[in-house]
PDB file of N, CA and C in Angstrom:
ATOM      1  N   UNK A   1     147.446  22.386 -45.292  1.00  0.00           N
ATOM      2  CA  UNK A   1     147.601  21.110 -45.985  1.00  0.00           C
ATOM      3  C   UNK A   1     149.108  20.749 -45.987  1.00  0.00           C
ATOM      4  N   UNK A   2     149.361  19.509 -45.562  1.00  0.00           N
ATOM      5  CA  UNK A   2     150.742  19.066 -45.485  1.00  0.00           C
ATOM      6  C   UNK A   2     151.284  18.747 -46.900  1.00  0.00           C
ATOM      7  N   UNK A   3     152.565  18.605 -47.019  1.00  0.00           N
ATOM      8  CA  UNK A   3     153.184  18.290 -48.304  1.00  0.00           C
ATOM      9  C   UNK A   3     152.615  16.951 -48.861  1.00  0.00           C
ATOM     10  N   UNK A   4     152.511  15.973 -47.979  1.00  0.00           N
ATOM     11  CA  UNK A   4     151.996  14.703 -48.396  1.00  0.00           C
ATOM     12  C   UNK A   4     150.587  14.837 -48.871  1.00  0.00           C
ATOM     13  N   UNK A   5     149.734  15.618 -48.255  1.00  0.00           N
ATOM     14  CA  UNK A   5     148.373  15.824 -48.715  1.00  0.00           C
ATOM     15  C   UNK A   5     148.317  16.548 -50.054  1.00  0.00           C
ATOM     16  N   UNK A   6     149.223  17.497 -50.281  1.00  0.00           N
ATOM     17  CA  UNK A   6     149.282  18.164 -51.551  1.00  0.00           C
ATOM     18  C   UNK A   6     149.673  17.180 -52.665  1.00  0.00           C
ATOM     19  N   UNK A   7     150.668  16.318 -52.402  1.00  0.00           N
ATOM     20  CA  UNK A   7     151.103  15.356 -53.367  1.00  0.00           C
ATOM     21  C   UNK A   7     149.947  14.444 -53.736  1.00  0.00           C
ATOM     22  N   UNK A   8     149.272  13.905 -52.718  1.00  0.00           N
ATOM     23  CA  UNK A   8     148.163  12.995 -52.944  1.00  0.00           C
ATOM     24  C   UNK A   8     147.058  13.663 -53.713  1.00  0.00           C
ATOM     25  N   UNK A   9     146.730  14.870 -53.378  1.00  0.00           N
ATOM     26  CA  UNK A   9     145.680  15.607 -54.058  1.00  0.00           C
ATOM     27  C   UNK A   9     146.010  15.820 -55.525  1.00  0.00           C
ATOM     28  N   UNK A  10     147.302  16.156 -55.790  1.00  0.00           N
ATOM     29  CA  UNK A  10     147.747  16.374 -57.146  1.00  0.00           C
ATOM     30  C   UNK A  10     147.706  15.046 -57.961  1.00  0.00           C
ATOM     31  N   UNK A  11     148.082  13.974 -57.300  1.00  0.00           N
ATOM     32  CA  UNK A  11     148.052  12.699 -57.988  1.00  0.00           C
ATOM     33  C   UNK A  11     146.669  12.273 -58.362  1.00  0.00           C
ATOM     34  N   UNK A  12     145.697  12.539 -57.496  1.00  0.00           N
ATOM     35  CA  UNK A  12     144.288  12.213 -57.765  1.00  0.00           C
ATOM     36  C   UNK A  12     143.769  12.870 -59.078  1.00  0.00           C
ATOM     37  N   UNK A  13     144.306  14.021 -59.396  1.00  0.00           N
ATOM     38  CA  UNK A  13     143.854  14.753 -60.583  1.00  0.00           C
ATOM     39  C   UNK A  13     144.507  14.300 -61.878  1.00  0.00           C
ATOM     40  N   UNK A  14     145.533  13.453 -61.768  1.00  0.00           N
ATOM     41  CA  UNK A  14     146.237  13.024 -62.960  1.00  0.00           C
ATOM     42  C   UNK A  14     145.508  11.871 -63.657  1.00  0.00           C
ATOM     43  N   UNK A  15     145.728  11.749 -64.953  1.00  0.00           N
ATOM     44  CA  UNK A  15     145.225  10.544 -65.709  1.00  0.00           C
ATOM     45  C   UNK A  15     146.075   9.343 -65.287  1.00  0.00           C
ATOM     46  N   UNK A  16     145.555   8.144 -65.495  1.00  0.00           N
ATOM     47  CA  UNK A  16     146.230   6.878 -65.074  1.00  0.00           C
ATOM     48  C   UNK A  16     147.639   6.797 -65.593  1.00  0.00           C
ATOM     49  N   UNK A  17     147.865   7.216 -66.845  1.00  0.00           N
ATOM     50  CA  UNK A  17     149.211   7.060 -67.385  1.00  0.00           C
ATOM     51  C   UNK A  17     150.227   7.902 -66.643  1.00  0.00           C
ATOM     52  N   UNK A  18     149.801   9.094 -66.226  1.00  0.00           N
ATOM     53  CA  UNK A  18     150.719   9.982 -65.458  1.00  0.00           C
ATOM     54  C   UNK A  18     150.902   9.398 -64.033  1.00  0.00           C
ATOM     55  N   UNK A  19     149.868   8.829 -63.482  1.00  0.00           N
ATOM     56  CA  UNK A  19     149.986   8.201 -62.162  1.00  0.00           C
ATOM     57  C   UNK A  19     151.042   7.067 -62.197  1.00  0.00           C
ATOM     58  N   UNK A  20     151.044   6.317 -63.282  1.00  0.00           N
ATOM     59  CA  UNK A  20     152.014   5.252 -63.471  1.00  0.00           C
ATOM     60  C   UNK A  20     153.421   5.849 -63.491  1.00  0.00           C
ATOM     61  N   UNK A  21     153.583   7.006 -64.205  1.00  0.00           N
ATOM     62  CA  UNK A  21     154.895   7.649 -64.205  1.00  0.00           C
ATOM     63  C   UNK A  21     155.341   8.132 -62.794  1.00  0.00           C
ATOM     64  N   UNK A  22     154.358   8.663 -62.087  1.00  0.00           N
ATOM     65  CA  UNK A  22     154.666   9.117 -60.712  1.00  0.00           C
ATOM     66  C   UNK A  22     155.138   7.915 -59.894  1.00  0.00           C
ATOM     67  N   UNK A  23     154.461   6.815 -59.985  1.00  0.00           N
ATOM     68  CA  UNK A  23     154.856   5.591 -59.282  1.00  0.00           C
ATOM     69  C   UNK A  23     156.243   5.120 -59.662  1.00  0.00           C
ATOM     70  N   UNK A  24     156.571   5.147 -60.941  1.00  0.00           N
ATOM     71  CA  UNK A  24     157.876   4.761 -61.415  1.00  0.00           C
ATOM     72  C   UNK A  24     158.963   5.702 -60.786  1.00  0.00           C
ATOM     73  N   UNK A  25     158.663   6.981 -60.730  1.00  0.00           N
ATOM     74  CA  UNK A  25     159.578   7.904 -60.178  1.00  0.00           C
ATOM     75  C   UNK A  25     159.813   7.689 -58.667  1.00  0.00           C
ATOM     76  N   UNK A  26     158.711   7.445 -57.987  1.00  0.00           N
ATOM     77  CA  UNK A  26     158.816   7.216 -56.511  1.00  0.00           C
ATOM     78  C   UNK A  26     159.667   5.897 -56.273  1.00  0.00           C
ATOM     79  N   UNK A  27     159.421   4.873 -57.070  1.00  0.00           N
ATOM     80  CA  UNK A  27     160.205   3.682 -56.930  1.00  0.00           C
ATOM     81  C   UNK A  27     161.676   3.902 -57.250  1.00  0.00           C
ATOM     82  N   UNK A  28     161.928   4.731 -58.267  1.00  0.00           N
ATOM     83  CA  UNK A  28     163.350   5.118 -58.543  1.00  0.00           C
ATOM     84  C   UNK A  28     163.992   5.857 -57.363  1.00  0.00           C
ATOM     85  N   UNK A  29     163.295   6.802 -56.764  1.00  0.00           N
ATOM     86  CA  UNK A  29     163.845   7.519 -55.673  1.00  0.00           C
ATOM     87  C   UNK A  29     164.084   6.574 -54.484  1.00  0.00           C
ATOM     88  N   UNK A  30     163.216   5.641 -54.250  1.00  0.00           N
ATOM     89  CA  UNK A  30     163.397   4.672 -53.168  1.00  0.00           C
ATOM     90  C   UNK A  30     164.626   3.849 -53.410  1.00  0.00           C
ATOM     91  N   UNK A  31     164.789   3.367 -54.654  1.00  0.00           N
ATOM     92  CA  UNK A  31     165.946   2.489 -54.974  1.00  0.00           C
ATOM     93  C   UNK A  31     167.255   3.229 -54.795  1.00  0.00           C
ATOM     94  N   UNK A  32     167.305   4.521 -55.154  1.00  0.00           N
ATOM     95  CA  UNK A  32     168.528   5.317 -54.944  1.00  0.00           C
ATOM     96  C   UNK A  32     168.872   5.423 -53.501  1.00  0.00           C
ATOM     97  N   UNK A  33     167.859   5.611 -52.651  1.00  0.00           N
ATOM     98  CA  UNK A  33     168.091   5.732 -51.209  1.00  0.00           C
ATOM     99  C   UNK A  33     168.578   4.381 -50.679  1.00  0.00           C
ATOM    100  N   UNK A  34     167.967   3.283 -51.080  1.00  0.00           N
ATOM    101  CA  UNK A  34     168.385   1.989 -50.629  1.00  0.00           C
ATOM    102  C   UNK A  34     169.767   1.623 -51.041  1.00  0.00           C
ATOM    103  N   UNK A  35     170.145   1.964 -52.314  1.00  0.00           N
ATOM    104  CA  UNK A  35     171.478   1.708 -52.805  1.00  0.00           C
ATOM    105  C   UNK A  35     172.519   2.436 -51.939  1.00  0.00           C
ATOM    106  N   UNK A  36     172.227   3.698 -51.634  1.00  0.00           N
ATOM    107  CA  UNK A  36     173.131   4.479 -50.844  1.00  0.00           C
ATOM    108  C   UNK A  36     173.300   3.878 -49.438  1.00  0.00           C
ATOM    109  N   UNK A  37     172.181   3.416 -48.846  1.00  0.00           N
ATOM    110  CA  UNK A  37     172.229   2.819 -47.548  1.00  0.00           C
ATOM    111  C   UNK A  37     173.046   1.540 -47.571  1.00  0.00           C
ATOM    112  N   UNK A  38     172.784   0.689 -48.588  1.00  0.00           N
ATOM    113  CA  UNK A  38     173.535  -0.596 -48.666  1.00  0.00           C
ATOM    114  C   UNK A  38     174.964  -0.336 -48.944  1.00  0.00           C
ATOM    115  N   UNK A  39     175.276   0.653 -49.757  1.00  0.00           N
ATOM    116  CA  UNK A  39     176.656   0.967 -50.084  1.00  0.00           C
ATOM    117  C   UNK A  39     177.403   1.385 -48.841  1.00  0.00           C
ATOM    118  N   UNK A  40     176.820   2.241 -48.053  1.00  0.00           N
ATOM    119  CA  UNK A  40     177.506   2.694 -46.831  1.00  0.00           C
ATOM    120  C   UNK A  40     177.587   1.546 -45.837  1.00  0.00           C
ATOM    121  N   UNK A  41     176.562   0.716 -45.764  1.00  0.00           N
ATOM    122  CA  UNK A  41     176.599  -0.406 -44.867  1.00  0.00           C
ATOM    123  C   UNK A  41     177.660  -1.415 -45.251  1.00  0.00           C
ATOM    124  N   UNK A  42     177.744  -1.742 -46.502  1.00  0.00           N
ATOM    125  CA  UNK A  42     178.731  -2.771 -46.923  1.00  0.00           C
ATOM    126  C   UNK A  42     180.177  -2.220 -46.780  1.00  0.00           C
ATOM    127  N   UNK A  43     180.370  -0.956 -47.022  1.00  0.00           N
ATOM    128  CA  UNK A  43     181.755  -0.358 -46.826  1.00  0.00           C
ATOM    129  C   UNK A  43     182.127  -0.378 -45.337  1.00  0.00           C
ATOM    130  N   UNK A  44     181.179   0.051 -44.476  1.00  0.00           N
ATOM    131  CA  UNK A  44     181.494  -0.019 -43.083  1.00  0.00           C
ATOM    132  C   UNK A  44     181.663  -1.419 -42.565  1.00  0.00           C
ATOM    133  N   UNK A  45     180.899  -2.356 -43.100  1.00  0.00           N
ATOM    134  CA  UNK A  45     181.078  -3.758 -42.696  1.00  0.00           C
ATOM    135  C   UNK A  45     182.445  -4.263 -43.164  1.00  0.00           C
ATOM    136  N   UNK A  46     182.822  -3.945 -44.362  1.00  0.00           N
ATOM    137  CA  UNK A  46     184.129  -4.400 -44.890  1.00  0.00           C
ATOM    138  C   UNK A  46     185.250  -3.831 -44.125  1.00  0.00           C
ATOM    139  N   UNK A  47     185.171  -2.608 -43.624  1.00  0.00           N
ATOM    140  CA  UNK A  47     186.274  -1.984 -43.018  1.00  0.00           C
ATOM    141  C   UNK A  47     186.285  -2.228 -41.503  1.00  0.00           C
ATOM    142  N   UNK A  48     185.214  -2.814 -40.946  1.00  0.00           N
ATOM    143  CA  UNK A  48     185.139  -3.046 -39.496  1.00  0.00           C
ATOM    144  C   UNK A  48     186.248  -3.912 -38.995  1.00  0.00           C
ATOM    145  N   UNK A  49     187.000  -3.482 -38.040  1.00  0.00           N
ATOM    146  CA  UNK A  49     188.062  -4.243 -37.447  1.00  0.00           C
ATOM    147  C   UNK A  49     189.360  -4.347 -38.218  1.00  0.00           C
ATOM    148  N   UNK A  50     189.438  -3.687 -39.366  1.00  0.00           N
ATOM    149  CA  UNK A  50     190.620  -3.809 -40.206  1.00  0.00           C
ATOM    150  C   UNK A  50     191.856  -3.199 -39.527  1.00  0.00           C
ATOM    151  N   UNK A  51     191.680  -2.172 -38.691  1.00  0.00           N
ATOM    152  CA  UNK A  51     192.854  -1.546 -38.024  1.00  0.00           C
ATOM    153  C   UNK A  51     193.424  -2.509 -36.962  1.00  0.00           C
ATOM    154  N   UNK A  52     192.630  -3.378 -36.417  1.00  0.00           N
ATOM    155  CA  UNK A  52     193.133  -4.309 -35.378  1.00  0.00           C
ATOM    156  C   UNK A  52     193.756  -5.537 -35.953  1.00  0.00           C
ATOM    157  N   UNK A  53     193.557  -5.832 -37.246  1.00  0.00           N
ATOM    158  CA  UNK A  53     194.080  -7.049 -37.850  1.00  0.00           C
ATOM    159  C   UNK A  53     195.607  -7.002 -37.959  1.00  0.00           C
ATOM    160  N   UNK A  54     196.216  -8.190 -37.794  1.00  0.00           N
ATOM    161  CA  UNK A  54     197.650  -8.279 -38.014  1.00  0.00           C
ATOM    162  C   UNK A  54     197.931  -8.257 -39.515  1.00  0.00           C
ATOM    163  N   UNK A  55     198.958  -7.582 -39.897  1.00  0.00           N
ATOM    164  CA  UNK A  55     199.309  -7.515 -41.337  1.00  0.00           C
ATOM    165  C   UNK A  55     199.758  -8.871 -41.838  1.00  0.00           C
ATOM    166  N   UNK A  56     199.205  -9.357 -42.946  1.00  0.00           N
ATOM    167  CA  UNK A  56     199.591 -10.688 -43.449  1.00  0.00           C
ATOM    168  C   UNK A  56     201.038 -10.763 -44.017  1.00  0.00           C
ATOM    169  N   UNK A  57     201.589  -9.551 -44.283  1.00  0.00           N
ATOM    170  CA  UNK A  57     202.948  -9.512 -44.880  1.00  0.00           C
ATOM    171  C   UNK A  57     203.786  -8.557 -44.092  1.00  0.00           C
ATOM    172  N   UNK A  58     205.084  -8.803 -44.008  1.00  0.00           N
ATOM    173  CA  UNK A  58     205.994  -7.854 -43.365  1.00  0.00           C
ATOM    174  C   UNK A  58     206.506  -6.888 -44.441  1.00  0.00           C
ATOM    175  N   UNK A  59     207.212  -5.846 -43.987  1.00  0.00           N
ATOM    176  CA  UNK A  59     207.808  -4.919 -44.947  1.00  0.00           C
ATOM    177  C   UNK A  59     208.810  -5.598 -45.848  1.00  0.00           C
ATOM    178  N   UNK A  60     209.545  -6.512 -45.297  1.00  0.00           N
ATOM    179  CA  UNK A  60     210.535  -7.226 -46.141  1.00  0.00           C
ATOM    180  C   UNK A  60     209.864  -8.056 -47.222  1.00  0.00           C
ATOM    181  N   UNK A  61     208.697  -8.562 -46.947  1.00  0.00           N
ATOM    182  CA  UNK A  61     207.942  -9.299 -47.971  1.00  0.00           C
ATOM    183  C   UNK A  61     207.546  -8.444 -49.161  1.00  0.00           C
ATOM    184  N   UNK A  62     207.310  -7.187 -48.824  1.00  0.00           N
ATOM    185  CA  UNK A  62     206.785  -6.241 -49.824  1.00  0.00           C
ATOM    186  C   UNK A  62     207.819  -5.547 -50.663  1.00  0.00           C
ATOM    187  N   UNK A  63     209.078  -5.627 -50.189  1.00  0.00           N
ATOM    188  CA  UNK A  63     210.198  -4.947 -50.933  1.00  0.00           C
ATOM    189  C   UNK A  63     210.505  -5.777 -52.216  1.00  0.00           C
ATOM    190  N   UNK A  64     210.762  -4.989 -53.274  1.00  0.00           N
ATOM    191  CA  UNK A  64     211.131  -5.604 -54.560  1.00  0.00           C
ATOM    192  C   UNK A  64     212.536  -6.115 -54.489  1.00  0.00           C
ATOM    193  N   UNK A  65     212.720  -7.232 -55.079  1.00  0.00           N
ATOM    194  CA  UNK A  65     214.122  -7.703 -55.205  1.00  0.00           C
ATOM    195  C   UNK A  65     214.435  -7.838 -56.707  1.00  0.00           C
ATOM    196  N   UNK A  66     215.583  -7.425 -57.047  1.00  0.00           N
ATOM    197  CA  UNK A  66     216.007  -7.510 -58.476  1.00  0.00           C
ATOM    198  C   UNK A  66     217.142  -8.564 -58.542  1.00  0.00           C
ATOM    199  N   UNK A  67     216.792  -9.648 -59.160  1.00  0.00           N
ATOM    200  CA  UNK A  67     217.743 -10.719 -59.316  1.00  0.00           C
ATOM    201  C   UNK A  67     217.938 -11.055 -60.775  1.00  0.00           C
TER     202      UNK A  67
END
């Protein structure tokens, strides 16, 4: 019996309230995975090409002046 089959068999034996809890947990696990994927995707998208960009300021622009 595969893991998936064991899980399904175990769920069939649970009362409806527990099945609802299992569903909530599965949806929670899915959302965690999706968040991680989106987070990695958005970071990589934000950083794409940044090394090739020209700097908007020169070093002299960034130096503090005290007047």
